[in-house]
Full PDB file with SEQRES, HELIX, SHEET, SSBOND, CRYST1, ORIGX, SCALE, CONECT and MASTER records, all heavy atoms in Angstrom:
SEQRES   1 A   35  ALA ALA VAL LEU LYS THR PHE SER ILE GLU GLY GLU THR          
SEQRES   2 A   35  ILE LEU HIS PRO ALA THR PHE HIS PHE PRO SER HIS GLY          
SEQRES   3 A   35  ARG LYS LEU CYS THR GLY PRO GLY LEU                          
HELIX    1 AA1 PRO A   17  THR A   19  5                                   3    
HELIX    2 AA2 PRO A   23  HIS A   25  5                                   3    
CRYST1    1.000    1.000    1.000  90.00  90.00  90.00 P 1           1          
ORIGX1      1.000000  0.000000  0.000000        0.00000                         
ORIGX2      0.000000  1.000000  0.000000        0.00000                         
ORIGX3      0.000000  0.000000  1.000000        0.00000                         
SCALE1      1.000000  0.000000  0.000000        0.00000                         
SCALE2      0.000000  1.000000  0.000000        0.00000                         
SCALE3      0.000000  0.000000  1.000000        0.00000                         
ATOM      1  N   ALA A   1      12.625  14.146   6.810  1.00  0.00           N  
ATOM      2  CA  ALA A   1      12.806  15.249   7.749  1.00  0.00           C  
ATOM      3  C   ALA A   1      12.180  14.862   9.084  1.00  0.00           C  
ATOM      4  O   ALA A   1      11.067  14.358   9.128  1.00  0.00           O  
ATOM      5  CB  ALA A   1      12.178  16.518   7.200  1.00  0.00           C  
ATOM      6  N   ALA A   2      12.882  15.092  10.156  1.00  0.00           N  
ATOM      7  CA  ALA A   2      12.529  14.549  11.464  1.00  0.00           C  
ATOM      8  C   ALA A   2      11.131  14.902  11.955  1.00  0.00           C  
ATOM      9  O   ALA A   2      10.472  14.104  12.603  1.00  0.00           O  
ATOM     10  CB  ALA A   2      13.569  14.992  12.488  1.00  0.00           C  
ATOM     11  N   VAL A   3      10.633  16.126  11.694  1.00  0.00           N  
ATOM     12  CA  VAL A   3       9.349  16.506  12.251  1.00  0.00           C  
ATOM     13  C   VAL A   3       8.295  16.772  11.185  1.00  0.00           C  
ATOM     14  O   VAL A   3       7.272  17.380  11.470  1.00  0.00           O  
ATOM     15  CB  VAL A   3       9.503  17.765  13.157  1.00  0.00           C  
ATOM     16  CG1 VAL A   3      10.318  17.426  14.362  1.00  0.00           C  
ATOM     17  CG2 VAL A   3      10.101  18.926  12.388  1.00  0.00           C  
ATOM     18  N   LEU A   4       8.515  16.315   9.965  1.00  0.00           N  
ATOM     19  CA  LEU A   4       7.606  16.584   8.873  1.00  0.00           C  
ATOM     20  C   LEU A   4       6.225  15.949   9.129  1.00  0.00           C  
ATOM     21  O   LEU A   4       6.123  14.749   9.443  1.00  0.00           O  
ATOM     22  CB  LEU A   4       8.177  16.036   7.569  1.00  0.00           C  
ATOM     23  CG  LEU A   4       7.605  16.617   6.273  1.00  0.00           C  
ATOM     24  CD1 LEU A   4       7.898  18.109   6.193  1.00  0.00           C  
ATOM     25  CD2 LEU A   4       8.180  15.912   5.073  1.00  0.00           C  
ATOM     26  N   LYS A   5       5.158  16.760   9.026  1.00  0.00           N  
ATOM     27  CA  LYS A   5       3.787  16.287   9.275  1.00  0.00           C  
ATOM     28  C   LYS A   5       3.011  16.183   7.952  1.00  0.00           C  
ATOM     29  O   LYS A   5       2.214  15.260   7.784  1.00  0.00           O  
ATOM     30  CB  LYS A   5       3.049  17.241  10.219  1.00  0.00           C  
ATOM     31  CG  LYS A   5       3.712  17.408  11.566  1.00  0.00           C  
ATOM     32  CD  LYS A   5       3.612  16.154  12.400  1.00  0.00           C  
ATOM     33  CE  LYS A   5       4.197  16.387  13.782  1.00  0.00           C  
ATOM     34  NZ  LYS A   5       4.254  15.183  14.573  1.00  0.00           N  
ATOM     35  N   THR A   6       3.149  17.187   7.075  1.00  0.00           N  
ATOM     36  CA  THR A   6       2.442  17.136   5.790  1.00  0.00           C  
ATOM     37  C   THR A   6       3.414  17.400   4.657  1.00  0.00           C  
ATOM     38  O   THR A   6       4.307  18.269   4.755  1.00  0.00           O  
ATOM     39  CB  THR A   6       1.288  18.182   5.731  1.00  0.00           C  
ATOM     40  OG1 THR A   6       1.835  19.493   5.860  1.00  0.00           O  
ATOM     41  CG2 THR A   6       0.274  17.929   6.810  1.00  0.00           C  
ATOM     42  N   PHE A   7       3.229  16.671   3.578  1.00  0.00           N  
ATOM     43  CA  PHE A   7       4.117  16.775   2.432  1.00  0.00           C  
ATOM     44  C   PHE A   7       3.287  16.615   1.165  1.00  0.00           C  
ATOM     45  O   PHE A   7       2.658  15.560   0.957  1.00  0.00           O  
ATOM     46  CB  PHE A   7       5.187  15.664   2.520  1.00  0.00           C  
ATOM     47  CG  PHE A   7       6.221  15.671   1.441  1.00  0.00           C  
ATOM     48  CD1 PHE A   7       6.537  16.823   0.754  1.00  0.00           C  
ATOM     49  CD2 PHE A   7       6.873  14.506   1.115  1.00  0.00           C  
ATOM     50  CE1 PHE A   7       7.486  16.828  -0.240  1.00  0.00           C  
ATOM     51  CE2 PHE A   7       7.853  14.488   0.115  1.00  0.00           C  
ATOM     52  CZ  PHE A   7       8.159  15.658  -0.562  1.00  0.00           C  
ATOM     53  N   SER A   8       3.194  17.674   0.363  1.00  0.00           N  
ATOM     54  CA  SER A   8       2.344  17.640  -0.823  1.00  0.00           C  
ATOM     55  C   SER A   8       3.163  17.740  -2.106  1.00  0.00           C  
ATOM     56  O   SER A   8       4.014  18.631  -2.250  1.00  0.00           O  
ATOM     57  CB  SER A   8       1.344  18.814  -0.798  1.00  0.00           C  
ATOM     58  OG  SER A   8       0.555  18.747   0.362  1.00  0.00           O  
ATOM     59  N   ILE A   9       2.930  16.785  -3.008  1.00  0.00           N  
ATOM     60  CA  ILE A   9       3.549  16.830  -4.347  1.00  0.00           C  
ATOM     61  C   ILE A   9       2.465  16.543  -5.364  1.00  0.00           C  
ATOM     62  O   ILE A   9       1.366  16.150  -5.001  1.00  0.00           O  
ATOM     63  CB  ILE A   9       4.696  15.799  -4.462  1.00  0.00           C  
ATOM     64  CG1 ILE A   9       4.158  14.398  -4.134  1.00  0.00           C  
ATOM     65  CG2 ILE A   9       5.854  16.166  -3.618  1.00  0.00           C  
ATOM     66  CD1 ILE A   9       5.185  13.303  -4.359  1.00  0.00           C  
ATOM     67  N   GLU A  10       2.763  16.756  -6.630  1.00  0.00           N  
ATOM     68  CA  GLU A  10       1.728  16.634  -7.652  1.00  0.00           C  
ATOM     69  C   GLU A  10       2.261  16.280  -8.996  1.00  0.00           C  
ATOM     70  O   GLU A  10       3.430  16.486  -9.271  1.00  0.00           O  
ATOM     71  CB  GLU A  10       0.981  17.981  -7.698  1.00  0.00           C  
ATOM     72  CG  GLU A  10       0.490  18.374  -9.060  1.00  0.00           C  
ATOM     73  CD  GLU A  10      -0.148  19.744  -9.061  1.00  0.00           C  
ATOM     74  OE1 GLU A  10       0.578  20.748  -9.081  1.00  0.00           O  
ATOM     75  OE2 GLU A  10      -1.354  19.813  -9.052  1.00  0.00           O  
ATOM     76  N   GLY A  11       1.397  15.767  -9.844  1.00  0.00           N  
ATOM     77  CA  GLY A  11       1.656  15.608 -11.270  1.00  0.00           C  
ATOM     78  C   GLY A  11       2.635  14.493 -11.596  1.00  0.00           C  
ATOM     79  O   GLY A  11       2.663  13.457 -10.979  1.00  0.00           O  
ATOM     80  N   GLU A  12       3.456  14.772 -12.581  1.00  0.00           N  
ATOM     81  CA  GLU A  12       4.367  13.783 -13.142  1.00  0.00           C  
ATOM     82  C   GLU A  12       5.720  13.762 -12.456  1.00  0.00           C  
ATOM     83  O   GLU A  12       6.722  13.494 -13.084  1.00  0.00           O  
ATOM     84  CB  GLU A  12       4.530  14.035 -14.650  1.00  0.00           C  
ATOM     85  CG  GLU A  12       3.251  13.965 -15.446  1.00  0.00           C  
ATOM     86  CD  GLU A  12       2.601  12.621 -15.344  1.00  0.00           C  
ATOM     87  OE1 GLU A  12       3.324  11.602 -15.399  1.00  0.00           O  
ATOM     88  OE2 GLU A  12       1.358  12.541 -15.222  1.00  0.00           O  
ATOM     89  N   THR A  13       5.742  14.090 -11.195  1.00  0.00           N  
ATOM     90  CA  THR A  13       6.984  14.056 -10.444  1.00  0.00           C  
ATOM     91  C   THR A  13       7.608  12.676 -10.552  1.00  0.00           C  
ATOM     92  O   THR A  13       6.911  11.658 -10.451  1.00  0.00           O  
ATOM     93  CB  THR A  13       6.752  14.408  -8.963  1.00  0.00           C  
ATOM     94  OG1 THR A  13       6.107  15.678  -8.921  1.00  0.00           O  
ATOM     95  CG2 THR A  13       8.022  14.467  -8.196  1.00  0.00           C  
ATOM     96  N   ILE A  14       8.937  12.625 -10.743  1.00  0.00           N  
ATOM     97  CA  ILE A  14       9.639  11.360 -10.897  1.00  0.00           C  
ATOM     98  C   ILE A  14       9.718  10.677  -9.541  1.00  0.00           C  
ATOM     99  O   ILE A  14      10.620  10.903  -8.760  1.00  0.00           O  
ATOM    100  CB  ILE A  14      11.056  11.586 -11.441  1.00  0.00           C  
ATOM    101  CG1 ILE A  14      10.989  12.428 -12.741  1.00  0.00           C  
ATOM    102  CG2 ILE A  14      11.751  10.273 -11.741  1.00  0.00           C  
ATOM    103  CD1 ILE A  14      12.321  12.967 -13.189  1.00  0.00           C  
ATOM    104  N   LEU A  15       8.727   9.853  -9.236  1.00  0.00           N  
ATOM    105  CA  LEU A  15       8.628   9.248  -7.918  1.00  0.00           C  
ATOM    106  C   LEU A  15       8.456   7.767  -8.032  1.00  0.00           C  
ATOM    107  O   LEU A  15       7.530   7.261  -8.647  1.00  0.00           O  
ATOM    108  CB  LEU A  15       7.419   9.837  -7.180  1.00  0.00           C  
ATOM    109  CG  LEU A  15       7.129   9.334  -5.799  1.00  0.00           C  
ATOM    110  CD1 LEU A  15       8.286   9.693  -4.851  1.00  0.00           C  
ATOM    111  CD2 LEU A  15       5.817   9.914  -5.284  1.00  0.00           C  
ATOM    112  N   HIS A  16       9.404   7.024  -7.485  1.00  0.00           N  
ATOM    113  CA  HIS A  16       9.316   5.569  -7.502  1.00  0.00           C  
ATOM    114  C   HIS A  16       8.651   5.062  -6.237  1.00  0.00           C  
ATOM    115  O   HIS A  16       8.804   5.634  -5.161  1.00  0.00           O  
ATOM    116  CB  HIS A  16      10.728   4.971  -7.619  1.00  0.00           C  
ATOM    117  CG  HIS A  16      11.420   5.359  -8.892  1.00  0.00           C  
ATOM    118  ND1 HIS A  16      11.062   4.867 -10.120  1.00  0.00           N  
ATOM    119  CD2 HIS A  16      12.426   6.249  -9.125  1.00  0.00           C  
ATOM    120  CE1 HIS A  16      11.809   5.416 -11.053  1.00  0.00           C  
ATOM    121  NE2 HIS A  16      12.640   6.266 -10.486  1.00  0.00           N  
ATOM    122  N   PRO A  17       7.914   3.965  -6.317  1.00  0.00           N  
ATOM    123  CA  PRO A  17       7.197   3.441  -5.154  1.00  0.00           C  
ATOM    124  C   PRO A  17       8.063   3.200  -3.933  1.00  0.00           C  
ATOM    125  O   PRO A  17       7.639   3.352  -2.811  1.00  0.00           O  
ATOM    126  CB  PRO A  17       6.589   2.137  -5.684  1.00  0.00           C  
ATOM    127  CG  PRO A  17       6.498   2.322  -7.143  1.00  0.00           C  
ATOM    128  CD  PRO A  17       7.687   3.191  -7.523  1.00  0.00           C  
ATOM    129  N   ALA A  18       9.307   2.852  -4.165  1.00  0.00           N  
ATOM    130  CA  ALA A  18      10.197   2.526  -3.053  1.00  0.00           C  
ATOM    131  C   ALA A  18      10.626   3.762  -2.258  1.00  0.00           C  
ATOM    132  O   ALA A  18      11.152   3.649  -1.174  1.00  0.00           O  
ATOM    133  CB  ALA A  18      11.444   1.804  -3.558  1.00  0.00           C  
ATOM    134  N   THR A  19      10.353   4.955  -2.804  1.00  0.00           N  
ATOM    135  CA  THR A  19      10.749   6.180  -2.112  1.00  0.00           C  
ATOM    136  C   THR A  19      10.053   6.307  -0.778  1.00  0.00           C  
ATOM    137  O   THR A  19      10.637   6.721   0.219  1.00  0.00           O  
ATOM    138  CB  THR A  19      10.427   7.406  -2.975  1.00  0.00           C  
ATOM    139  OG1 THR A  19      11.108   7.288  -4.215  1.00  0.00           O  
ATOM    140  CG2 THR A  19      10.873   8.673  -2.285  1.00  0.00           C  
ATOM    141  N   PHE A  20       8.754   5.983  -0.748  1.00  0.00           N  
ATOM    142  CA  PHE A  20       7.975   6.077   0.475  1.00  0.00           C  
ATOM    143  C   PHE A  20       7.497   4.701   0.870  1.00  0.00           C  
ATOM    144  O   PHE A  20       6.976   3.974   0.068  1.00  0.00           O  
ATOM    145  CB  PHE A  20       6.783   6.992   0.269  1.00  0.00           C  
ATOM    146  CG  PHE A  20       7.158   8.386  -0.069  1.00  0.00           C  
ATOM    147  CD1 PHE A  20       7.141   8.817  -1.389  1.00  0.00           C  
ATOM    148  CD2 PHE A  20       7.559   9.278   0.912  1.00  0.00           C  
ATOM    149  CE1 PHE A  20       7.508  10.117  -1.716  1.00  0.00           C  
ATOM    150  CE2 PHE A  20       7.946  10.565   0.608  1.00  0.00           C  
ATOM    151  CZ  PHE A  20       7.914  10.973  -0.730  1.00  0.00           C  
ATOM    152  N   HIS A  21       7.696   4.334   2.120  1.00  0.00           N  
ATOM    153  CA  HIS A  21       7.242   3.040   2.629  1.00  0.00           C  
ATOM    154  C   HIS A  21       5.983   3.240   3.421  1.00  0.00           C  
ATOM    155  O   HIS A  21       6.006   3.808   4.503  1.00  0.00           O  
ATOM    156  CB  HIS A  21       8.348   2.420   3.515  1.00  0.00           C  
ATOM    157  CG  HIS A  21       9.648   2.285   2.788  1.00  0.00           C  
ATOM    158  ND1 HIS A  21       9.821   1.454   1.728  1.00  0.00           N  
ATOM    159  CD2 HIS A  21      10.846   2.910   2.986  1.00  0.00           C  
ATOM    160  CE1 HIS A  21      11.073   1.540   1.287  1.00  0.00           C  
ATOM    161  NE2 HIS A  21      11.703   2.442   2.043  1.00  0.00           N  
ATOM    162  N   PHE A  22       4.876   2.835   2.865  1.00  0.00           N  
ATOM    163  CA  PHE A  22       3.572   3.084   3.481  1.00  0.00           C  
ATOM    164  C   PHE A  22       3.292   2.158   4.642  1.00  0.00           C  
ATOM    165  O   PHE A  22       3.569   0.971   4.572  1.00  0.00           O  
ATOM    166  CB  PHE A  22       2.474   3.002   2.433  1.00  0.00           C  
ATOM    167  CG  PHE A  22       2.569   4.089   1.394  1.00  0.00           C  
ATOM    168  CD1 PHE A  22       3.222   3.884   0.201  1.00  0.00           C  
ATOM    169  CD2 PHE A  22       2.021   5.321   1.653  1.00  0.00           C  
ATOM    170  CE1 PHE A  22       3.347   4.919  -0.730  1.00  0.00           C  
ATOM    171  CE2 PHE A  22       2.116   6.365   0.730  1.00  0.00           C  
ATOM    172  CZ  PHE A  22       2.770   6.139  -0.459  1.00  0.00           C  
ATOM    173  N   PRO A  23       2.660   2.702   5.689  1.00  0.00           N  
ATOM    174  CA  PRO A  23       2.353   1.918   6.883  1.00  0.00           C  
ATOM    175  C   PRO A  23       1.501   0.715   6.591  1.00  0.00           C  
ATOM    176  O   PRO A  23       1.572  -0.288   7.268  1.00  0.00           O  
ATOM    177  CB  PRO A  23       1.585   2.917   7.766  1.00  0.00           C  
ATOM    178  CG  PRO A  23       2.091   4.251   7.332  1.00  0.00           C  
ATOM    179  CD  PRO A  23       2.338   4.110   5.850  1.00  0.00           C  
ATOM    180  N   SER A  24       0.649   0.783   5.551  1.00  0.00           N  
ATOM    181  CA  SER A  24      -0.228  -0.345   5.235  1.00  0.00           C  
ATOM    182  C   SER A  24       0.567  -1.595   4.825  1.00  0.00           C  
ATOM    183  O   SER A  24       0.072  -2.684   4.863  1.00  0.00           O  
ATOM    184  CB  SER A  24      -1.174   0.040   4.084  1.00  0.00           C  
ATOM    185  OG  SER A  24      -0.415   0.374   2.930  1.00  0.00           O  
ATOM    186  N   HIS A  25       1.818  -1.408   4.454  1.00  0.00           N  
ATOM    187  CA  HIS A  25       2.675  -2.522   4.106  1.00  0.00           C  
ATOM    188  C   HIS A  25       3.542  -2.951   5.263  1.00  0.00           C  
ATOM    189  O   HIS A  25       4.499  -3.702   5.093  1.00  0.00           O  
ATOM    190  CB  HIS A  25       3.544  -2.176   2.892  1.00  0.00           C  
ATOM    191  CG  HIS A  25       2.757  -1.907   1.652  1.00  0.00           C  
ATOM    192  ND1 HIS A  25       3.000  -0.859   0.837  1.00  0.00           N  
ATOM    193  CD2 HIS A  25       1.685  -2.571   1.119  1.00  0.00           C  
ATOM    194  CE1 HIS A  25       2.148  -0.864  -0.167  1.00  0.00           C  
ATOM    195  NE2 HIS A  25       1.348  -1.882  -0.017  1.00  0.00           N  
ATOM    196  N   GLY A  26       3.230  -2.408   6.430  1.00  0.00           N  
ATOM    197  CA  GLY A  26       3.997  -2.804   7.631  1.00  0.00           C  
ATOM    198  C   GLY A  26       5.316  -2.105   7.773  1.00  0.00           C  
ATOM    199  O   GLY A  26       6.117  -2.458   8.585  1.00  0.00           O  
ATOM    200  N   ARG A  27       5.555  -1.033   6.967  1.00  0.00           N  
ATOM    201  CA  ARG A  27       6.795  -0.294   7.064  1.00  0.00           C  
ATOM    202  C   ARG A  27       6.527   1.160   7.418  1.00  0.00           C  
ATOM    203  O   ARG A  27       5.482   1.683   7.110  1.00  0.00           O  
ATOM    204  CB  ARG A  27       7.565  -0.378   5.753  1.00  0.00           C  
ATOM    205  CG  ARG A  27       8.078  -1.772   5.441  1.00  0.00           C  
ATOM    206  CD  ARG A  27       8.673  -1.888   4.053  1.00  0.00           C  
ATOM    207  NE  ARG A  27       7.596  -1.796   3.061  1.00  0.00           N  
ATOM    208  CZ  ARG A  27       7.830  -1.891   1.767  1.00  0.00           C  
ATOM    209  NH1 ARG A  27       9.052  -2.053   1.316  1.00  0.00           N  
ATOM    210  NH2 ARG A  27       6.820  -1.809   0.909  1.00  0.00           N  
ATOM    211  N   LYS A  28       7.475   1.779   8.063  1.00  0.00           N  
ATOM    212  CA  LYS A  28       7.276   3.156   8.514  1.00  0.00           C  
ATOM    213  C   LYS A  28       7.460   4.130   7.366  1.00  0.00           C  
ATOM    214  O   LYS A  28       8.347   3.989   6.539  1.00  0.00           O  
ATOM    215  CB  LYS A  28       8.324   3.445   9.605  1.00  0.00           C  
ATOM    216  CG  LYS A  28       7.951   4.645  10.466  1.00  0.00           C  
ATOM    217  CD  LYS A  28       8.922   4.763  11.635  1.00  0.00           C  
ATOM    218  CE  LYS A  28       8.540   5.882  12.530  1.00  0.00           C  
ATOM    219  NZ  LYS A  28       9.469   6.057  13.654  1.00  0.00           N  
ATOM    220  N   LEU A  29       6.599   5.149   7.333  1.00  0.00           N  
ATOM    221  CA  LEU A  29       6.635   6.121   6.241  1.00  0.00           C  
ATOM    222  C   LEU A  29       7.848   7.047   6.368  1.00  0.00           C  
ATOM    223  O   LEU A  29       8.496   7.381   5.407  1.00  0.00           O  
ATOM    224  CB  LEU A  29       5.359   6.941   6.239  1.00  0.00           C  
ATOM    225  CG  LEU A  29       5.176   7.952   5.128  1.00  0.00           C  
ATOM    226  CD1 LEU A  29       5.308   7.302   3.800  1.00  0.00           C  
ATOM    227  CD2 LEU A  29       3.808   8.623   5.243  1.00  0.00           C  
ATOM    228  N   CYS A  30       8.111   7.490   7.585  1.00  0.00           N  
ATOM    229  CA  CYS A  30       9.269   8.345   7.805  1.00  0.00           C  
ATOM    230  C   CYS A  30       9.561   8.378   9.301  1.00  0.00           C  
ATOM    231  O   CYS A  30       8.843   7.763  10.089  1.00  0.00           O  
ATOM    232  CB  CYS A  30       9.058   9.762   7.264  1.00  0.00           C  
ATOM    233  SG  CYS A  30       8.005  10.747   8.316  1.00  0.00           S  
ATOM    234  N   THR A  31      10.585   9.132   9.696  1.00  0.00           N  
ATOM    235  CA  THR A  31      10.931   9.212  11.108  1.00  0.00           C  
ATOM    236  C   THR A  31       9.974  10.076  11.903  1.00  0.00           C  
ATOM    237  O   THR A  31       9.887   9.971  13.076  1.00  0.00           O  
ATOM    238  CB  THR A  31      12.357   9.744  11.271  1.00  0.00           C  
ATOM    239  OG1 THR A  31      12.443  11.021  10.618  1.00  0.00           O  
ATOM    240  CG2 THR A  31      13.366   8.786  10.658  1.00  0.00           C  
ATOM    241  N   GLY A  32       9.242  10.968  11.219  1.00  0.00           N  
ATOM    242  CA  GLY A  32       8.291  11.824  11.915  1.00  0.00           C  
ATOM    243  C   GLY A  32       6.973  11.117  12.131  1.00  0.00           C  
ATOM    244  O   GLY A  32       6.450  10.488  11.212  1.00  0.00           O  
ATOM    245  N   PRO A  33       6.370  11.198  13.317  1.00  0.00           N  
ATOM    246  CA  PRO A  33       5.122  10.494  13.596  1.00  0.00           C  
ATOM    247  C   PRO A  33       3.958  11.163  12.874  1.00  0.00           C  
ATOM    248  O   PRO A  33       3.867  12.401  12.820  1.00  0.00           O  
ATOM    249  CB  PRO A  33       4.962  10.637  15.111  1.00  0.00           C  
ATOM    250  CG  PRO A  33       5.720  11.887  15.439  1.00  0.00           C  
ATOM    251  CD  PRO A  33       6.885  11.934  14.476  1.00  0.00           C  
ATOM    252  N   GLY A  34       3.090  10.368  12.303  1.00  0.00           N  
ATOM    253  CA  GLY A  34       1.857  10.891  11.709  1.00  0.00           C  
ATOM    254  C   GLY A  34       2.015  11.709  10.470  1.00  0.00           C  
ATOM    255  O   GLY A  34       1.271  12.652  10.241  1.00  0.00           O  
ATOM    256  N   LEU A  35       2.976  11.419   9.619  1.00  0.00           N  
ATOM    257  CA  LEU A  35       3.158  12.162   8.373  1.00  0.00           C  
ATOM    258  C   LEU A  35       1.978  11.974   7.472  1.00  0.00           C  
ATOM    259  O   LEU A  35       1.499  10.869   7.240  1.00  0.00           O  
ATOM    260  CB  LEU A  35       4.429  11.703   7.670  1.00  0.00           C  
ATOM    261  CG  LEU A  35       4.686  12.305   6.291  1.00  0.00           C  
ATOM    262  CD1 LEU A  35       4.955  13.803   6.403  1.00  0.00           C  
ATOM    263  CD2 LEU A  35       5.841  11.610   5.591  1.00  0.00           C  
TER     264      LEU A  35                                                      
MASTER        0    0    0    2    0    0    0    6  263    1    0    3          
END                                                                             
């Protein structure tokens, strides 16, 4: 989402590592700055 700043999920949600690209790996997390 273009302007998303905070996103909270929990528990055993079916989430694969490739879903989110973390800045620490040199990739952008999303299109919104500072998520």
